[in-house]
Amino acid sequence: IGQVYGGGGDTGALDRNDFIELFNRGASPVNLSNWSVQYASAAGNNWAVTALPAIDLQAGQYLLVQQAKGAGGTQDLPTPDASGSLAMSGTAGKVLLSNSKTAQTLANPTGAAVIDLVGFGTANGFEGNVAPAPSNTLSIARANGGCSDTDDNGLDFASGSVTPRNTASPRNACGGPVVHQIITSCPASLALA
């Protein structure tokens, strides 16, 4: 899970729809046949399921799952790769990625079927610590374009500008080569801190 936004169509929102963005931070394609994203309220254990398309998500590729449309907002999301009807909270809730279309039943689910779990705001289910609350104008996004995953939502996610990405967006290779620039001279006026 790379980004979560539940304020779509709410007061002050630009985007008309809620969305869940997925990201393949691995080095190999992942086949999403029979996979799903699921959403529950902050304190709930009733998970609503949105099935994912039967595609291979390539390394460094994003996937956009459009959710419910609100009454407000002025712009559509980029072309979604999957669509659901989940009306997500703009400030607190839980989203998970599962390799099954079977709905989870626990408030803080774990196990082989739970690939990723993000709890935000006042959620009672999360990895490590709860992620910050988004808003009608802010999403929560995983650091480094989706590459950071320490299994601690509080460390991995930050609130910021809503930037939905789909499979057509530029890819982001995690763990790529690091480019270093060598400075051979330094102006005398440059202060180092």
N, C-alpha and C. Protein backbone atom coordinates (compact mmCIF):
# COMPACT_ATOMS: atom_id res chain seq x y z
N ILE A 1 0.87 -1.17 0.00
CA ILE A 1 0.00 0.00 0.00
C ILE A 1 0.91 1.23 0.00
N GLY A 2 0.78 2.04 -1.05
CA GLY A 2 1.65 3.19 -1.18
C GLY A 2 1.02 4.49 -0.75
N GLN A 3 -0.32 4.61 -0.91
CA GLN A 3 -0.99 5.86 -0.57
C GLN A 3 -2.46 5.57 -0.29
N VAL A 4 -3.03 6.32 0.65
CA VAL A 4 -4.45 6.17 1.02
C VAL A 4 -5.06 7.56 1.11
N TYR A 5 -6.24 7.71 0.49
CA TYR A 5 -6.94 8.99 0.53
C TYR A 5 -8.44 8.73 0.66
N GLY A 6 -9.01 9.22 1.75
CA GLY A 6 -10.44 9.02 2.01
C GLY A 6 -11.25 10.29 1.99
N GLY A 7 -10.65 11.41 1.61
CA GLY A 7 -11.36 12.68 1.63
C GLY A 7 -11.98 13.08 0.30
N GLY A 8 -11.95 12.16 -0.68
CA GLY A 8 -12.45 12.48 -2.01
C GLY A 8 -13.90 12.96 -2.00
N GLY A 9 -14.13 14.10 -2.63
CA GLY A 9 -15.48 14.63 -2.72
C GLY A 9 -15.98 15.32 -1.48
N ASP A 10 -15.16 15.38 -0.44
CA ASP A 10 -15.57 16.05 0.81
C ASP A 10 -15.27 17.56 0.71
N THR A 11 -15.73 18.32 1.68
CA THR A 11 -15.53 19.77 1.70
C THR A 11 -14.06 20.12 1.60
N GLY A 12 -13.71 20.95 0.63
CA GLY A 12 -12.34 21.38 0.45
C GLY A 12 -11.49 20.48 -0.42
N ALA A 13 -12.01 19.30 -0.76
CA ALA A 13 -11.23 18.36 -1.57
C ALA A 13 -11.18 18.78 -3.02
N LEU A 14 -10.05 18.52 -3.69
CA LEU A 14 -9.95 18.72 -5.13
C LEU A 14 -10.44 17.49 -5.87
N ASP A 15 -10.00 16.32 -5.39
CA ASP A 15 -10.37 15.06 -6.06
C ASP A 15 -11.78 14.63 -5.67
N ARG A 16 -12.50 14.07 -6.63
CA ARG A 16 -13.89 13.67 -6.41
C ARG A 16 -14.01 12.30 -5.72
N ASN A 17 -12.95 11.47 -5.82
CA ASN A 17 -13.03 10.10 -5.32
C ASN A 17 -12.00 9.78 -4.25
N ASP A 18 -12.37 8.87 -3.36
CA ASP A 18 -11.41 8.24 -2.47
C ASP A 18 -10.56 7.29 -3.32
N PHE A 19 -9.37 6.91 -2.82
CA PHE A 19 -8.58 5.91 -3.54
C PHE A 19 -7.59 5.22 -2.62
N ILE A 20 -7.16 4.05 -3.08
CA ILE A 20 -6.06 3.30 -2.48
C ILE A 20 -5.05 3.08 -3.59
N GLU A 21 -3.82 3.44 -3.33
CA GLU A 21 -2.76 3.24 -4.32
C GLU A 21 -1.85 2.11 -3.85
N LEU A 22 -1.57 1.19 -4.75
CA LEU A 22 -0.64 0.10 -4.45
C LEU A 22 0.66 0.34 -5.18
N PHE A 23 1.73 -0.29 -4.70
CA PHE A 23 3.05 -0.10 -5.29
C PHE A 23 3.85 -1.39 -5.13
N ASN A 24 4.48 -1.84 -6.22
CA ASN A 24 5.35 -3.01 -6.16
C ASN A 24 6.76 -2.54 -5.91
N ARG A 25 7.21 -2.65 -4.65
CA ARG A 25 8.56 -2.20 -4.30
C ARG A 25 9.60 -3.29 -4.49
N GLY A 26 9.16 -4.46 -4.94
CA GLY A 26 10.08 -5.57 -5.18
C GLY A 26 10.78 -5.48 -6.52
N ALA A 27 11.60 -6.47 -6.82
CA ALA A 27 12.37 -6.50 -8.06
C ALA A 27 11.74 -7.36 -9.14
N SER A 28 10.62 -8.04 -8.82
CA SER A 28 9.96 -8.93 -9.77
C SER A 28 8.49 -8.59 -9.88
N PRO A 29 7.85 -8.94 -11.00
CA PRO A 29 6.40 -8.72 -11.14
C PRO A 29 5.63 -9.54 -10.12
N VAL A 30 4.45 -9.03 -9.73
CA VAL A 30 3.56 -9.75 -8.82
C VAL A 30 2.21 -9.91 -9.53
N ASN A 31 1.74 -11.17 -9.64
CA ASN A 31 0.45 -11.42 -10.26
C ASN A 31 -0.64 -11.20 -9.23
N LEU A 32 -1.61 -10.34 -9.56
CA LEU A 32 -2.64 -9.94 -8.61
C LEU A 32 -3.94 -10.74 -8.75
N SER A 33 -3.93 -11.80 -9.52
CA SER A 33 -5.12 -12.64 -9.64
C SER A 33 -5.57 -13.10 -8.26
N ASN A 34 -6.84 -12.92 -7.97
CA ASN A 34 -7.46 -13.32 -6.70
C ASN A 34 -7.08 -12.41 -5.53
N TRP A 35 -6.33 -11.33 -5.75
CA TRP A 35 -5.96 -10.40 -4.69
C TRP A 35 -7.06 -9.36 -4.48
N SER A 36 -7.00 -8.66 -3.35
CA SER A 36 -7.99 -7.62 -3.06
C SER A 36 -7.38 -6.56 -2.15
N VAL A 37 -8.02 -5.38 -2.15
CA VAL A 37 -7.80 -4.40 -1.10
C VAL A 37 -9.05 -4.41 -0.24
N GLN A 38 -8.88 -4.17 1.05
CA GLN A 38 -10.01 -4.22 1.98
C GLN A 38 -9.95 -3.01 2.91
N TYR A 39 -11.14 -2.55 3.31
CA TYR A 39 -11.23 -1.37 4.17
C TYR A 39 -12.16 -1.65 5.34
N ALA A 40 -11.78 -1.15 6.52
CA ALA A 40 -12.64 -1.21 7.71
C ALA A 40 -12.54 0.13 8.43
N SER A 41 -13.58 0.45 9.17
CA SER A 41 -13.57 1.68 9.97
C SER A 41 -12.48 1.60 11.04
N ALA A 42 -12.19 2.71 11.67
CA ALA A 42 -11.09 2.79 12.63
C ALA A 42 -11.18 1.73 13.73
N ALA A 43 -12.38 1.46 14.23
CA ALA A 43 -12.55 0.49 15.32
C ALA A 43 -13.28 -0.77 14.86
N GLY A 44 -13.49 -0.91 13.57
CA GLY A 44 -14.32 -2.01 13.07
C GLY A 44 -13.58 -3.29 12.77
N ASN A 45 -14.35 -4.36 12.58
CA ASN A 45 -13.79 -5.63 12.13
C ASN A 45 -14.59 -6.18 10.94
N ASN A 46 -15.43 -5.35 10.34
CA ASN A 46 -16.14 -5.72 9.12
C ASN A 46 -15.39 -5.11 7.94
N TRP A 47 -14.73 -5.96 7.17
CA TRP A 47 -13.88 -5.51 6.08
C TRP A 47 -14.62 -5.58 4.75
N ALA A 48 -14.68 -4.46 4.03
CA ALA A 48 -15.29 -4.42 2.70
C ALA A 48 -14.21 -4.68 1.67
N VAL A 49 -14.54 -5.48 0.67
CA VAL A 49 -13.55 -6.00 -0.28
C VAL A 49 -13.70 -5.37 -1.67
N THR A 50 -12.58 -4.97 -2.26
CA THR A 50 -12.53 -4.58 -3.67
C THR A 50 -11.54 -5.49 -4.36
N ALA A 51 -12.01 -6.27 -5.33
CA ALA A 51 -11.14 -7.19 -6.06
C ALA A 51 -10.19 -6.42 -6.96
N LEU A 52 -8.99 -6.94 -7.11
CA LEU A 52 -7.98 -6.33 -7.98
C LEU A 52 -7.99 -7.03 -9.34
N PRO A 53 -7.51 -6.35 -10.38
CA PRO A 53 -7.48 -6.96 -11.71
C PRO A 53 -6.44 -8.07 -11.79
N ALA A 54 -6.67 -9.01 -12.67
CA ALA A 54 -5.75 -10.14 -12.85
C ALA A 54 -4.62 -9.71 -13.78
N ILE A 55 -3.72 -8.90 -13.24
CA ILE A 55 -2.58 -8.41 -14.02
C ILE A 55 -1.29 -8.69 -13.26
N ASP A 56 -0.18 -8.56 -13.98
CA ASP A 56 1.14 -8.60 -13.35
C ASP A 56 1.56 -7.16 -13.07
N LEU A 57 1.68 -6.82 -11.79
CA LEU A 57 2.15 -5.49 -11.40
C LEU A 57 3.67 -5.54 -11.44
N GLN A 58 4.24 -4.74 -12.33
CA GLN A 58 5.68 -4.79 -12.56
C GLN A 58 6.46 -4.14 -11.41
N ALA A 59 7.73 -4.48 -11.31
CA ALA A 59 8.59 -3.87 -10.29
C ALA A 59 8.60 -2.36 -10.46
N GLY A 60 8.38 -1.63 -9.37
CA GLY A 60 8.38 -0.18 -9.40
C GLY A 60 7.12 0.44 -9.96
N GLN A 61 6.09 -0.37 -10.20
CA GLN A 61 4.85 0.13 -10.82
C GLN A 61 3.78 0.39 -9.76
N TYR A 62 2.98 1.42 -10.00
CA TYR A 62 1.86 1.77 -9.14
C TYR A 62 0.56 1.21 -9.72
N LEU A 63 -0.45 1.07 -8.87
CA LEU A 63 -1.77 0.65 -9.29
C LEU A 63 -2.79 1.46 -8.51
N LEU A 64 -3.73 2.08 -9.21
CA LEU A 64 -4.70 2.97 -8.59
C LEU A 64 -6.06 2.30 -8.49
N VAL A 65 -6.57 2.19 -7.25
CA VAL A 65 -7.88 1.61 -6.99
C VAL A 65 -8.81 2.74 -6.57
N GLN A 66 -9.65 3.17 -7.49
CA GLN A 66 -10.62 4.23 -7.21
C GLN A 66 -11.73 3.70 -6.33
N GLN A 67 -12.15 4.53 -5.37
CA GLN A 67 -13.24 4.14 -4.48
C GLN A 67 -14.39 5.15 -4.60
N ALA A 68 -15.22 5.27 -3.58
CA ALA A 68 -16.46 6.04 -3.65
C ALA A 68 -16.25 7.49 -4.06
N LYS A 69 -17.26 8.02 -4.73
CA LYS A 69 -17.26 9.41 -5.17
C LYS A 69 -18.10 10.24 -4.21
N GLY A 70 -17.57 11.40 -3.83
CA GLY A 70 -18.31 12.30 -2.96
C GLY A 70 -19.03 13.36 -3.77
N ALA A 71 -19.73 14.23 -3.09
CA ALA A 71 -20.52 15.27 -3.76
C ALA A 71 -19.66 16.46 -4.18
N GLY A 72 -18.49 16.61 -3.58
CA GLY A 72 -17.62 17.75 -3.87
C GLY A 72 -16.46 17.38 -4.75
N GLY A 73 -15.46 18.24 -4.74
CA GLY A 73 -14.28 18.02 -5.57
C GLY A 73 -14.47 18.59 -6.96
N THR A 74 -13.35 18.88 -7.62
CA THR A 74 -13.41 19.49 -8.94
C THR A 74 -12.66 18.69 -10.00
N GLN A 75 -11.93 17.66 -9.60
CA GLN A 75 -11.16 16.92 -10.60
C GLN A 75 -11.29 15.42 -10.42
N ASP A 76 -11.24 14.72 -11.56
CA ASP A 76 -11.27 13.27 -11.55
C ASP A 76 -9.87 12.73 -11.27
N LEU A 77 -9.80 11.51 -10.78
CA LEU A 77 -8.52 10.84 -10.60
C LEU A 77 -7.95 10.48 -11.98
N PRO A 78 -6.65 10.21 -12.06
CA PRO A 78 -6.14 9.60 -13.28
C PRO A 78 -6.91 8.30 -13.54
N THR A 79 -6.85 7.79 -14.74
CA THR A 79 -7.59 6.58 -15.08
C THR A 79 -7.29 5.47 -14.07
N PRO A 80 -8.31 5.00 -13.34
CA PRO A 80 -8.05 3.96 -12.33
C PRO A 80 -7.78 2.61 -12.98
N ASP A 81 -7.01 1.78 -12.28
CA ASP A 81 -6.73 0.42 -12.73
C ASP A 81 -7.75 -0.57 -12.19
N ALA A 82 -8.46 -0.16 -11.14
CA ALA A 82 -9.54 -0.96 -10.55
C ALA A 82 -10.49 0.03 -9.87
N SER A 83 -11.73 -0.37 -9.68
CA SER A 83 -12.71 0.50 -9.04
C SER A 83 -13.54 -0.26 -8.03
N GLY A 84 -13.86 0.42 -6.95
CA GLY A 84 -14.74 -0.12 -5.92
C GLY A 84 -15.70 0.97 -5.48
N SER A 85 -16.47 0.66 -4.47
CA SER A 85 -17.48 1.62 -4.00
C SER A 85 -17.31 1.93 -2.51
N LEU A 86 -16.11 1.70 -1.97
CA LEU A 86 -15.87 1.92 -0.56
C LEU A 86 -15.90 3.41 -0.23
N ALA A 87 -16.74 3.80 0.71
CA ALA A 87 -16.77 5.18 1.21
C ALA A 87 -15.84 5.22 2.43
N MET A 88 -14.62 5.65 2.21
CA MET A 88 -13.60 5.62 3.25
C MET A 88 -13.62 6.90 4.08
N SER A 89 -13.23 6.79 5.33
CA SER A 89 -13.13 7.97 6.18
C SER A 89 -11.96 8.83 5.72
N GLY A 90 -12.13 10.13 5.83
CA GLY A 90 -11.06 11.05 5.47
C GLY A 90 -10.01 11.20 6.55
N THR A 91 -10.26 10.67 7.77
CA THR A 91 -9.33 10.93 8.88
C THR A 91 -8.89 9.69 9.66
N ALA A 92 -9.66 8.61 9.65
CA ALA A 92 -9.29 7.44 10.46
C ALA A 92 -9.89 6.18 9.85
N GLY A 93 -9.08 5.14 9.76
CA GLY A 93 -9.56 3.87 9.21
C GLY A 93 -8.42 2.90 9.02
N LYS A 94 -8.73 1.79 8.35
CA LYS A 94 -7.74 0.74 8.12
C LYS A 94 -7.89 0.21 6.70
N VAL A 95 -6.77 0.01 6.03
CA VAL A 95 -6.75 -0.54 4.68
C VAL A 95 -5.76 -1.70 4.69
N LEU A 96 -6.13 -2.79 4.04
CA LEU A 96 -5.18 -3.89 3.91
C LEU A 96 -5.15 -4.40 2.49
N LEU A 97 -4.03 -5.03 2.16
CA LEU A 97 -3.83 -5.71 0.88
C LEU A 97 -3.79 -7.20 1.19
N SER A 98 -4.61 -7.96 0.47
CA SER A 98 -4.69 -9.40 0.72
C SER A 98 -4.47 -10.18 -0.57
N ASN A 99 -3.87 -11.36 -0.44
CA ASN A 99 -3.72 -12.24 -1.60
C ASN A 99 -4.93 -13.16 -1.73
N SER A 100 -6.05 -12.72 -1.15
CA SER A 100 -7.33 -13.44 -1.21
C SER A 100 -8.46 -12.42 -1.34
N LYS A 101 -9.59 -12.86 -1.89
CA LYS A 101 -10.76 -12.00 -1.96
C LYS A 101 -11.71 -12.24 -0.79
N THR A 102 -11.30 -13.08 0.14
CA THR A 102 -12.11 -13.36 1.33
C THR A 102 -11.93 -12.24 2.34
N ALA A 103 -13.03 -11.68 2.81
CA ALA A 103 -12.97 -10.57 3.76
C ALA A 103 -12.35 -11.01 5.09
N GLN A 104 -11.51 -10.16 5.64
CA GLN A 104 -10.95 -10.40 6.97
C GLN A 104 -12.05 -10.20 8.02
N THR A 105 -11.84 -10.72 9.22
CA THR A 105 -12.87 -10.66 10.26
C THR A 105 -12.37 -10.12 11.59
N LEU A 106 -11.09 -9.79 11.69
CA LEU A 106 -10.54 -9.28 12.94
C LEU A 106 -10.25 -7.79 12.83
N ALA A 107 -10.25 -7.11 13.96
CA ALA A 107 -9.95 -5.67 13.96
C ALA A 107 -8.51 -5.40 13.55
N ASN A 108 -7.58 -6.28 13.93
CA ASN A 108 -6.17 -6.12 13.60
C ASN A 108 -5.67 -7.43 13.00
N PRO A 109 -6.03 -7.70 11.74
CA PRO A 109 -5.75 -9.01 11.15
C PRO A 109 -4.26 -9.22 10.84
N THR A 110 -3.86 -10.48 10.97
CA THR A 110 -2.51 -10.90 10.60
C THR A 110 -2.64 -12.23 9.87
N GLY A 111 -1.53 -12.79 9.47
CA GLY A 111 -1.55 -14.10 8.83
C GLY A 111 -1.09 -14.02 7.38
N ALA A 112 -1.01 -15.18 6.76
CA ALA A 112 -0.44 -15.29 5.42
C ALA A 112 -1.23 -14.53 4.37
N ALA A 113 -2.54 -14.35 4.57
CA ALA A 113 -3.36 -13.67 3.57
C ALA A 113 -3.22 -12.15 3.63
N VAL A 114 -2.65 -11.62 4.72
CA VAL A 114 -2.50 -10.17 4.86
C VAL A 114 -1.10 -9.78 4.40
N ILE A 115 -1.03 -9.19 3.21
CA ILE A 115 0.26 -8.78 2.65
C ILE A 115 0.73 -7.47 3.25
N ASP A 116 -0.20 -6.55 3.47
CA ASP A 116 0.14 -5.25 4.05
C ASP A 116 -1.08 -4.71 4.78
N LEU A 117 -0.85 -3.95 5.84
CA LEU A 117 -1.92 -3.35 6.64
C LEU A 117 -1.50 -1.94 7.02
N VAL A 118 -2.40 -0.98 6.78
CA VAL A 118 -2.14 0.40 7.17
C VAL A 118 -3.32 0.91 7.98
N GLY A 119 -3.06 1.28 9.23
CA GLY A 119 -4.06 1.91 10.07
C GLY A 119 -3.67 3.37 10.26
N PHE A 120 -4.66 4.26 10.16
CA PHE A 120 -4.35 5.70 10.23
C PHE A 120 -5.34 6.42 11.14
N GLY A 121 -4.88 7.57 11.66
CA GLY A 121 -5.72 8.34 12.57
C GLY A 121 -5.87 7.64 13.90
N THR A 122 -7.10 7.26 14.26
CA THR A 122 -7.37 6.59 15.54
C THR A 122 -7.62 5.10 15.38
N ALA A 123 -7.13 4.51 14.30
CA ALA A 123 -7.38 3.09 14.02
C ALA A 123 -6.84 2.19 15.11
N ASN A 124 -7.54 1.06 15.33
CA ASN A 124 -7.09 0.08 16.32
C ASN A 124 -6.37 -1.09 15.69
N GLY A 125 -6.08 -1.02 14.41
CA GLY A 125 -5.32 -2.05 13.71
C GLY A 125 -4.28 -1.38 12.83
N PHE A 126 -3.00 -1.84 12.93
CA PHE A 126 -1.91 -1.20 12.18
C PHE A 126 -0.66 -2.03 12.38
N GLU A 127 0.38 -1.72 11.61
CA GLU A 127 1.69 -2.33 11.79
C GLU A 127 2.55 -1.38 12.61
N GLY A 128 3.11 -1.86 13.69
CA GLY A 128 4.00 -1.03 14.52
C GLY A 128 3.26 0.04 15.27
N ASN A 129 3.18 1.22 14.71
CA ASN A 129 2.44 2.35 15.27
C ASN A 129 1.50 2.88 14.20
N VAL A 130 0.43 3.51 14.63
CA VAL A 130 -0.58 4.02 13.71
C VAL A 130 0.00 5.15 12.85
N ALA A 131 -0.43 5.21 11.59
CA ALA A 131 -0.02 6.28 10.68
C ALA A 131 -0.77 7.57 11.03
N PRO A 132 -0.23 8.71 10.64
CA PRO A 132 -0.92 9.97 10.93
C PRO A 132 -2.26 10.04 10.21
N ALA A 133 -3.10 10.94 10.67
CA ALA A 133 -4.41 11.13 10.05
C ALA A 133 -4.29 11.95 8.78
N PRO A 134 -4.92 11.51 7.69
CA PRO A 134 -5.03 12.37 6.52
C PRO A 134 -6.17 13.37 6.74
N SER A 135 -6.59 14.05 5.68
CA SER A 135 -7.69 15.01 5.79
C SER A 135 -8.40 15.08 4.44
N ASN A 136 -9.31 16.02 4.32
CA ASN A 136 -9.99 16.19 3.03
C ASN A 136 -9.05 16.69 1.94
N THR A 137 -7.95 17.30 2.34
CA THR A 137 -7.00 17.86 1.37
C THR A 137 -5.65 17.16 1.38
N LEU A 138 -5.44 16.20 2.27
CA LEU A 138 -4.17 15.49 2.38
C LEU A 138 -4.37 13.98 2.38
N SER A 139 -3.48 13.27 1.70
CA SER A 139 -3.46 11.82 1.78
C SER A 139 -2.36 11.40 2.74
N ILE A 140 -2.24 10.11 2.98
CA ILE A 140 -1.04 9.58 3.64
C ILE A 140 -0.32 8.73 2.60
N ALA A 141 1.00 8.88 2.52
CA ALA A 141 1.78 8.17 1.52
C ALA A 141 3.03 7.57 2.16
N ARG A 142 3.40 6.41 1.64
CA ARG A 142 4.61 5.72 2.10
C ARG A 142 5.83 6.50 1.61
N ALA A 143 6.83 6.63 2.44
CA ALA A 143 8.04 7.40 2.12
C ALA A 143 8.80 6.81 0.94
N ASN A 144 9.62 7.64 0.34
CA ASN A 144 10.48 7.25 -0.79
C ASN A 144 9.69 6.70 -1.96
N GLY A 145 8.55 7.34 -2.25
CA GLY A 145 7.74 6.92 -3.39
C GLY A 145 7.14 5.55 -3.25
N GLY A 146 7.10 5.04 -2.01
CA GLY A 146 6.55 3.71 -1.75
C GLY A 146 7.59 2.69 -1.32
N CYS A 147 8.85 3.04 -1.37
CA CYS A 147 9.93 2.07 -1.12
C CYS A 147 10.16 1.76 0.36
N SER A 148 9.82 2.68 1.27
CA SER A 148 10.09 2.48 2.70
C SER A 148 9.06 1.55 3.33
N ASP A 149 9.51 0.44 3.88
CA ASP A 149 8.61 -0.49 4.58
C ASP A 149 9.33 -1.12 5.75
N THR A 150 9.18 -0.49 6.93
CA THR A 150 9.80 -1.00 8.15
C THR A 150 8.79 -1.77 9.00
N ASP A 151 7.57 -1.99 8.45
CA ASP A 151 6.47 -2.61 9.18
C ASP A 151 6.03 -1.75 10.38
N ASP A 152 6.20 -0.44 10.23
CA ASP A 152 5.73 0.52 11.23
C ASP A 152 5.03 1.65 10.49
N ASN A 153 3.70 1.64 10.51
CA ASN A 153 2.93 2.65 9.77
C ASN A 153 3.30 4.07 10.18
N GLY A 154 3.58 4.27 11.46
CA GLY A 154 3.92 5.60 11.96
C GLY A 154 5.21 6.14 11.38
N LEU A 155 6.17 5.25 11.11
CA LEU A 155 7.44 5.66 10.52
C LEU A 155 7.37 5.73 9.01
N ASP A 156 6.63 4.83 8.40
CA ASP A 156 6.64 4.69 6.94
C ASP A 156 5.74 5.69 6.22
N PHE A 157 4.70 6.19 6.90
CA PHE A 157 3.72 7.05 6.24
C PHE A 157 3.75 8.46 6.80
N ALA A 158 3.50 9.42 5.91
CA ALA A 158 3.37 10.82 6.30
C ALA A 158 2.21 11.42 5.51
N SER A 159 1.57 12.43 6.08
CA SER A 159 0.51 13.11 5.35
C SER A 159 1.14 14.14 4.42
N GLY A 160 0.49 14.35 3.28
CA GLY A 160 1.01 15.30 2.30
C GLY A 160 0.04 15.47 1.15
N SER A 161 0.50 16.12 0.11
CA SER A 161 -0.34 16.40 -1.06
C SER A 161 -0.89 15.11 -1.66
N VAL A 162 -2.11 15.19 -2.16
CA VAL A 162 -2.77 14.06 -2.80
C VAL A 162 -2.19 13.90 -4.20
N THR A 163 -1.50 12.77 -4.44
CA THR A 163 -0.83 12.54 -5.72
C THR A 163 -1.11 11.13 -6.22
N PRO A 164 -2.33 10.87 -6.71
CA PRO A 164 -2.67 9.51 -7.16
C PRO A 164 -1.86 9.09 -8.38
N ARG A 165 -1.35 7.84 -8.35
CA ARG A 165 -0.57 7.29 -9.45
C ARG A 165 -1.19 5.97 -9.89
N ASN A 166 -1.14 5.71 -11.19
CA ASN A 166 -1.69 4.47 -11.74
C ASN A 166 -0.60 3.71 -12.49
N THR A 167 -0.98 2.63 -13.19
CA THR A 167 0.02 1.80 -13.87
C THR A 167 0.73 2.55 -14.99
N ALA A 168 0.15 3.65 -15.47
CA ALA A 168 0.79 4.44 -16.53
C ALA A 168 1.77 5.47 -15.98
N SER A 169 1.81 5.66 -14.67
CA SER A 169 2.72 6.63 -14.06
C SER A 169 4.16 6.15 -14.17
N PRO A 170 5.13 7.07 -14.13
CA PRO A 170 6.53 6.65 -14.17
C PRO A 170 6.84 5.67 -13.04
N ARG A 171 7.61 4.66 -13.35
CA ARG A 171 7.97 3.67 -12.33
C ARG A 171 9.03 4.21 -11.39
N ASN A 172 9.08 3.59 -10.21
CA ASN A 172 10.02 4.00 -9.18
C ASN A 172 10.77 2.77 -8.70
N ALA A 173 11.99 2.59 -9.18
CA ALA A 173 12.77 1.41 -8.80
C ALA A 173 13.35 1.59 -7.41
N CYS A 174 13.01 0.69 -6.51
CA CYS A 174 13.55 0.73 -5.15
C CYS A 174 14.91 0.04 -5.13
N GLY A 175 15.81 0.58 -4.32
CA GLY A 175 17.12 -0.05 -4.18
C GLY A 175 17.98 0.08 -5.42
N GLY A 176 17.70 1.08 -6.25
CA GLY A 176 18.50 1.31 -7.44
C GLY A 176 19.87 1.86 -7.08
N PRO A 177 20.70 2.04 -8.09
CA PRO A 177 22.05 2.55 -7.80
C PRO A 177 21.99 3.96 -7.22
N VAL A 178 22.87 4.22 -6.30
CA VAL A 178 22.97 5.53 -5.67
C VAL A 178 24.00 6.35 -6.44
N VAL A 179 23.60 7.53 -6.86
CA VAL A 179 24.50 8.40 -7.60
C VAL A 179 25.11 9.40 -6.62
N HIS A 180 26.42 9.43 -6.58
CA HIS A 180 27.13 10.36 -5.70
C HIS A 180 27.77 11.45 -6.55
N GLN A 181 27.67 12.67 -6.09
CA GLN A 181 28.33 13.79 -6.77
C GLN A 181 29.52 14.19 -5.92
N ILE A 182 30.66 14.26 -6.56
CA ILE A 182 31.88 14.63 -5.85
C ILE A 182 32.14 16.11 -6.07
N ILE A 183 32.26 16.85 -5.00
CA ILE A 183 32.59 18.27 -5.08
C ILE A 183 34.09 18.40 -4.94
N THR A 184 34.72 18.93 -5.98
CA THR A 184 36.19 19.02 -5.96
C THR A 184 36.68 20.35 -5.41
N SER A 185 35.83 21.35 -5.44
CA SER A 185 36.23 22.62 -4.84
C SER A 185 35.03 23.22 -4.12
N CYS A 186 35.32 24.00 -3.15
CA CYS A 186 34.26 24.58 -2.34
C CYS A 186 34.52 26.07 -2.18
N PRO A 187 33.58 26.91 -2.62
CA PRO A 187 33.78 28.35 -2.45
C PRO A 187 33.97 28.70 -0.98
N ALA A 188 34.84 29.67 -0.74
CA ALA A 188 35.14 30.08 0.62
C ALA A 188 33.91 30.59 1.34
N SER A 189 32.95 31.09 0.57
CA SER A 189 31.76 31.65 1.20
C SER A 189 30.74 30.59 1.61
N LEU A 190 30.99 29.33 1.24
CA LEU A 190 30.03 28.27 1.56
C LEU A 190 30.21 27.82 3.00
N ALA A 191 29.17 27.95 3.78
CA ALA A 191 29.21 27.52 5.18
C ALA A 191 28.67 26.12 5.28
N LEU A 192 29.36 25.24 5.95
CA LEU A 192 28.92 23.87 6.14
C LEU A 192 28.20 23.76 7.46
N ALA A 193 27.09 22.99 7.45
CA ALA A 193 26.32 22.81 8.68
C ALA A 193 26.18 21.34 8.97
